[in-house]
N, C-alpha and C. Protein backbone atom coordinates (compact mmCIF):
# COMPACT_ATOMS: atom_id res chain seq x y z
N MET A 1 -35.64 -18.98 62.15
CA MET A 1 -34.14 -18.85 61.97
C MET A 1 -33.23 -19.69 62.58
N SER A 2 -32.30 -20.13 62.07
CA SER A 2 -31.29 -21.16 62.56
C SER A 2 -29.99 -20.46 62.97
N LYS A 3 -29.30 -20.96 63.86
CA LYS A 3 -28.03 -20.49 64.25
C LYS A 3 -27.01 -21.58 64.24
N ILE A 4 -25.86 -21.21 63.73
CA ILE A 4 -24.69 -22.23 63.59
C ILE A 4 -23.44 -21.49 64.22
N ASN A 5 -22.75 -22.07 64.93
CA ASN A 5 -21.47 -21.59 65.50
C ASN A 5 -20.26 -21.72 64.31
N LEU A 6 -19.60 -20.61 63.83
CA LEU A 6 -18.69 -20.56 63.01
C LEU A 6 -17.32 -20.27 63.64
N ASN A 7 -16.23 -20.80 63.03
CA ASN A 7 -15.03 -20.57 63.64
C ASN A 7 -14.17 -19.65 62.71
N ASN A 8 -13.75 -18.39 63.39
CA ASN A 8 -12.83 -17.54 62.53
C ASN A 8 -11.70 -17.40 63.25
N ILE A 9 -10.57 -16.90 62.48
CA ILE A 9 -9.28 -16.48 62.96
C ILE A 9 -8.92 -15.23 62.38
N VAL A 10 -8.08 -14.62 63.17
CA VAL A 10 -7.71 -13.21 62.62
C VAL A 10 -6.23 -13.07 62.95
N TRP A 11 -5.44 -12.43 62.16
CA TRP A 11 -3.92 -12.03 62.38
C TRP A 11 -3.59 -10.77 61.71
N LYS A 12 -2.53 -10.17 62.22
CA LYS A 12 -2.00 -9.05 61.69
C LYS A 12 -1.19 -9.40 60.52
N GLU A 13 -1.21 -8.54 59.38
CA GLU A 13 -0.48 -8.78 58.13
C GLU A 13 -0.17 -7.33 57.74
N GLY A 14 1.08 -6.84 57.98
CA GLY A 14 1.46 -5.50 57.61
C GLY A 14 0.65 -4.49 58.42
N ALA A 15 -0.12 -3.55 57.75
CA ALA A 15 -0.77 -2.56 58.45
C ALA A 15 -2.21 -2.94 58.73
N HIS A 16 -2.64 -4.06 58.30
CA HIS A 16 -3.96 -4.50 58.41
C HIS A 16 -4.24 -5.87 59.18
N TYR A 17 -5.33 -6.07 59.64
CA TYR A 17 -5.81 -7.30 60.33
C TYR A 17 -6.37 -8.06 59.20
N VAL A 18 -6.26 -9.33 58.96
CA VAL A 18 -6.98 -10.19 58.12
C VAL A 18 -7.85 -11.24 58.96
N SER A 19 -9.06 -11.39 58.51
CA SER A 19 -10.02 -12.42 59.22
C SER A 19 -10.33 -13.47 58.28
N LEU A 20 -10.42 -14.60 58.76
CA LEU A 20 -10.75 -15.83 57.83
C LEU A 20 -11.91 -16.68 58.59
N ASN A 21 -12.84 -17.08 57.85
CA ASN A 21 -13.84 -17.95 58.45
C ASN A 21 -13.48 -19.35 57.72
N LEU A 22 -13.28 -20.15 58.93
CA LEU A 22 -12.73 -21.52 58.48
C LEU A 22 -13.84 -22.44 58.06
N ASN A 23 -15.07 -22.15 58.22
CA ASN A 23 -16.16 -22.84 57.69
C ASN A 23 -16.48 -22.71 56.21
N SER A 24 -16.25 -21.50 55.75
CA SER A 24 -16.43 -21.19 54.29
C SER A 24 -15.21 -20.86 53.39
N GLY A 25 -14.26 -20.58 54.04
CA GLY A 25 -13.00 -20.00 53.32
C GLY A 25 -13.08 -18.38 53.11
N VAL A 26 -14.05 -17.82 53.42
CA VAL A 26 -14.38 -16.44 53.20
C VAL A 26 -13.43 -15.68 53.95
N SER A 27 -12.84 -14.56 53.48
CA SER A 27 -11.90 -13.73 54.32
C SER A 27 -12.24 -12.25 54.01
N SER A 28 -11.77 -11.39 54.97
CA SER A 28 -11.88 -9.97 54.95
C SER A 28 -10.70 -9.33 55.51
N PHE A 29 -10.73 -8.10 55.71
CA PHE A 29 -9.63 -7.35 56.49
C PHE A 29 -10.12 -6.10 57.05
N GLY A 30 -9.35 -5.36 57.92
CA GLY A 30 -9.59 -4.13 58.38
C GLY A 30 -8.47 -3.68 59.12
N LYS A 31 -8.48 -2.20 59.64
CA LYS A 31 -7.38 -1.68 60.15
C LYS A 31 -7.23 -2.13 61.60
N THR A 32 -8.26 -2.70 62.23
CA THR A 32 -8.29 -3.15 63.59
C THR A 32 -8.89 -4.52 63.50
N LYS A 33 -8.70 -5.36 64.68
CA LYS A 33 -9.32 -6.53 64.71
C LYS A 33 -10.80 -6.57 64.66
N LYS A 34 -11.27 -5.59 65.35
CA LYS A 34 -12.71 -5.31 65.29
C LYS A 34 -13.31 -5.14 63.99
N GLN A 35 -12.64 -4.13 63.20
CA GLN A 35 -13.05 -3.87 61.88
C GLN A 35 -12.97 -5.07 60.91
N ALA A 36 -11.87 -5.84 61.09
CA ALA A 36 -11.64 -7.11 60.30
C ALA A 36 -12.88 -8.10 60.50
N LEU A 37 -13.11 -8.31 61.86
CA LEU A 37 -14.10 -9.12 62.11
C LEU A 37 -15.56 -8.81 61.77
N SER A 38 -15.88 -7.41 61.83
CA SER A 38 -17.07 -7.01 61.41
C SER A 38 -17.26 -7.14 59.86
N ALA A 39 -16.18 -6.83 59.05
CA ALA A 39 -16.12 -7.01 57.62
C ALA A 39 -16.31 -8.43 57.26
N LEU A 40 -15.72 -9.40 58.15
CA LEU A 40 -15.92 -10.74 57.93
C LEU A 40 -17.34 -11.12 58.09
N GLN A 41 -18.00 -10.66 59.09
CA GLN A 41 -19.30 -11.06 59.53
C GLN A 41 -20.36 -10.85 58.23
N GLU A 42 -20.00 -9.52 57.77
CA GLU A 42 -20.74 -9.12 56.51
C GLU A 42 -20.72 -9.91 55.49
N ALA A 43 -19.25 -10.28 55.09
CA ALA A 43 -18.89 -11.18 53.99
C ALA A 43 -19.71 -12.49 54.14
N VAL A 44 -19.49 -13.25 55.26
CA VAL A 44 -19.92 -14.42 55.49
C VAL A 44 -21.43 -14.47 55.43
N GLU A 45 -22.12 -13.47 56.03
CA GLU A 45 -23.63 -13.31 55.81
C GLU A 45 -24.06 -13.36 54.36
N LEU A 46 -23.37 -12.55 53.52
CA LEU A 46 -23.68 -12.60 52.14
C LEU A 46 -23.42 -13.89 51.47
N TYR A 47 -22.21 -14.53 51.90
CA TYR A 47 -21.95 -15.80 51.31
C TYR A 47 -22.97 -16.99 51.46
N PHE A 48 -23.51 -16.85 52.69
CA PHE A 48 -24.43 -17.92 53.08
C PHE A 48 -25.89 -17.53 52.89
N GLU A 49 -26.07 -16.23 52.38
CA GLU A 49 -27.36 -15.84 51.99
C GLU A 49 -28.25 -16.83 51.53
N ASP A 50 -27.94 -17.54 50.42
CA ASP A 50 -28.91 -18.46 49.74
C ASP A 50 -28.52 -19.95 50.03
N MET A 51 -27.70 -20.15 50.93
CA MET A 51 -27.12 -21.58 50.97
C MET A 51 -27.88 -22.16 52.40
N PRO A 52 -28.36 -23.33 52.23
CA PRO A 52 -29.05 -23.99 53.34
C PRO A 52 -27.89 -24.47 54.38
N ILE A 53 -28.36 -24.24 55.62
CA ILE A 53 -27.60 -24.51 56.76
C ILE A 53 -26.85 -25.80 56.73
N SER A 54 -27.52 -26.87 56.08
CA SER A 54 -27.02 -28.22 55.93
C SER A 54 -25.84 -28.25 55.16
N LYS A 55 -25.61 -27.34 54.36
CA LYS A 55 -24.33 -27.34 53.33
C LYS A 55 -23.18 -26.71 54.08
N ILE A 56 -23.28 -26.04 55.21
CA ILE A 56 -22.10 -25.39 55.91
C ILE A 56 -21.24 -26.40 56.37
N SER A 57 -19.91 -26.30 56.24
CA SER A 57 -18.84 -27.18 56.67
C SER A 57 -18.84 -26.94 58.15
N LYS A 58 -18.89 -28.08 59.06
CA LYS A 58 -18.57 -27.96 60.33
C LYS A 58 -17.12 -28.10 60.61
N VAL A 59 -16.54 -27.23 61.56
CA VAL A 59 -15.14 -27.22 61.85
C VAL A 59 -15.12 -27.45 63.45
N GLY A 60 -14.46 -28.46 63.78
CA GLY A 60 -14.32 -28.66 65.31
C GLY A 60 -13.41 -27.77 66.06
N LYS A 61 -12.65 -28.25 66.87
CA LYS A 61 -11.60 -27.38 67.62
C LYS A 61 -10.49 -27.14 66.57
N PRO A 62 -10.25 -26.27 65.92
CA PRO A 62 -9.00 -26.07 65.03
C PRO A 62 -7.71 -25.79 65.85
N ASP A 63 -6.63 -26.53 65.29
CA ASP A 63 -5.44 -26.28 65.96
C ASP A 63 -4.48 -25.43 65.08
N VAL A 64 -3.68 -24.43 65.45
CA VAL A 64 -2.68 -23.78 64.60
C VAL A 64 -1.56 -24.54 64.59
N VAL A 65 -1.06 -25.10 63.42
CA VAL A 65 0.05 -25.95 63.35
C VAL A 65 1.02 -25.27 62.25
N SER A 66 2.22 -25.23 62.71
CA SER A 66 3.27 -24.48 62.06
C SER A 66 3.98 -25.50 60.96
N SER A 67 4.41 -24.99 59.98
CA SER A 67 5.16 -25.87 59.17
C SER A 67 6.25 -25.05 58.34
N VAL A 68 7.15 -25.67 57.70
CA VAL A 68 8.33 -25.03 57.04
C VAL A 68 8.22 -25.27 55.61
N LEU A 69 8.44 -24.25 54.72
CA LEU A 69 8.50 -24.35 53.42
C LEU A 69 9.85 -24.01 52.93
N VAL A 70 10.56 -24.91 52.25
CA VAL A 70 12.07 -24.78 51.73
C VAL A 70 11.87 -24.37 50.47
N CYS A 71 12.39 -23.18 49.99
CA CYS A 71 12.40 -22.62 48.78
C CYS A 71 13.75 -22.67 48.12
N ALA A 72 13.88 -23.01 46.81
CA ALA A 72 15.20 -23.27 46.25
C ALA A 72 15.64 -21.92 45.62
């Protein structure tokens, strides 16, 4: 069994928390952070179930960078 460190982010959106795995783009949600991250863990495990570890994108130390979108 191999292990790889994955980077996840979680934020509040309305009444729920959204969780996102940066290595795969897989996301999930829950009523609490803990639920959102637990649901994400399950979704990521299913996503990577048949994928070799070597195909997983490595993400270094991610930074949160703000930007502005101007809508007409």
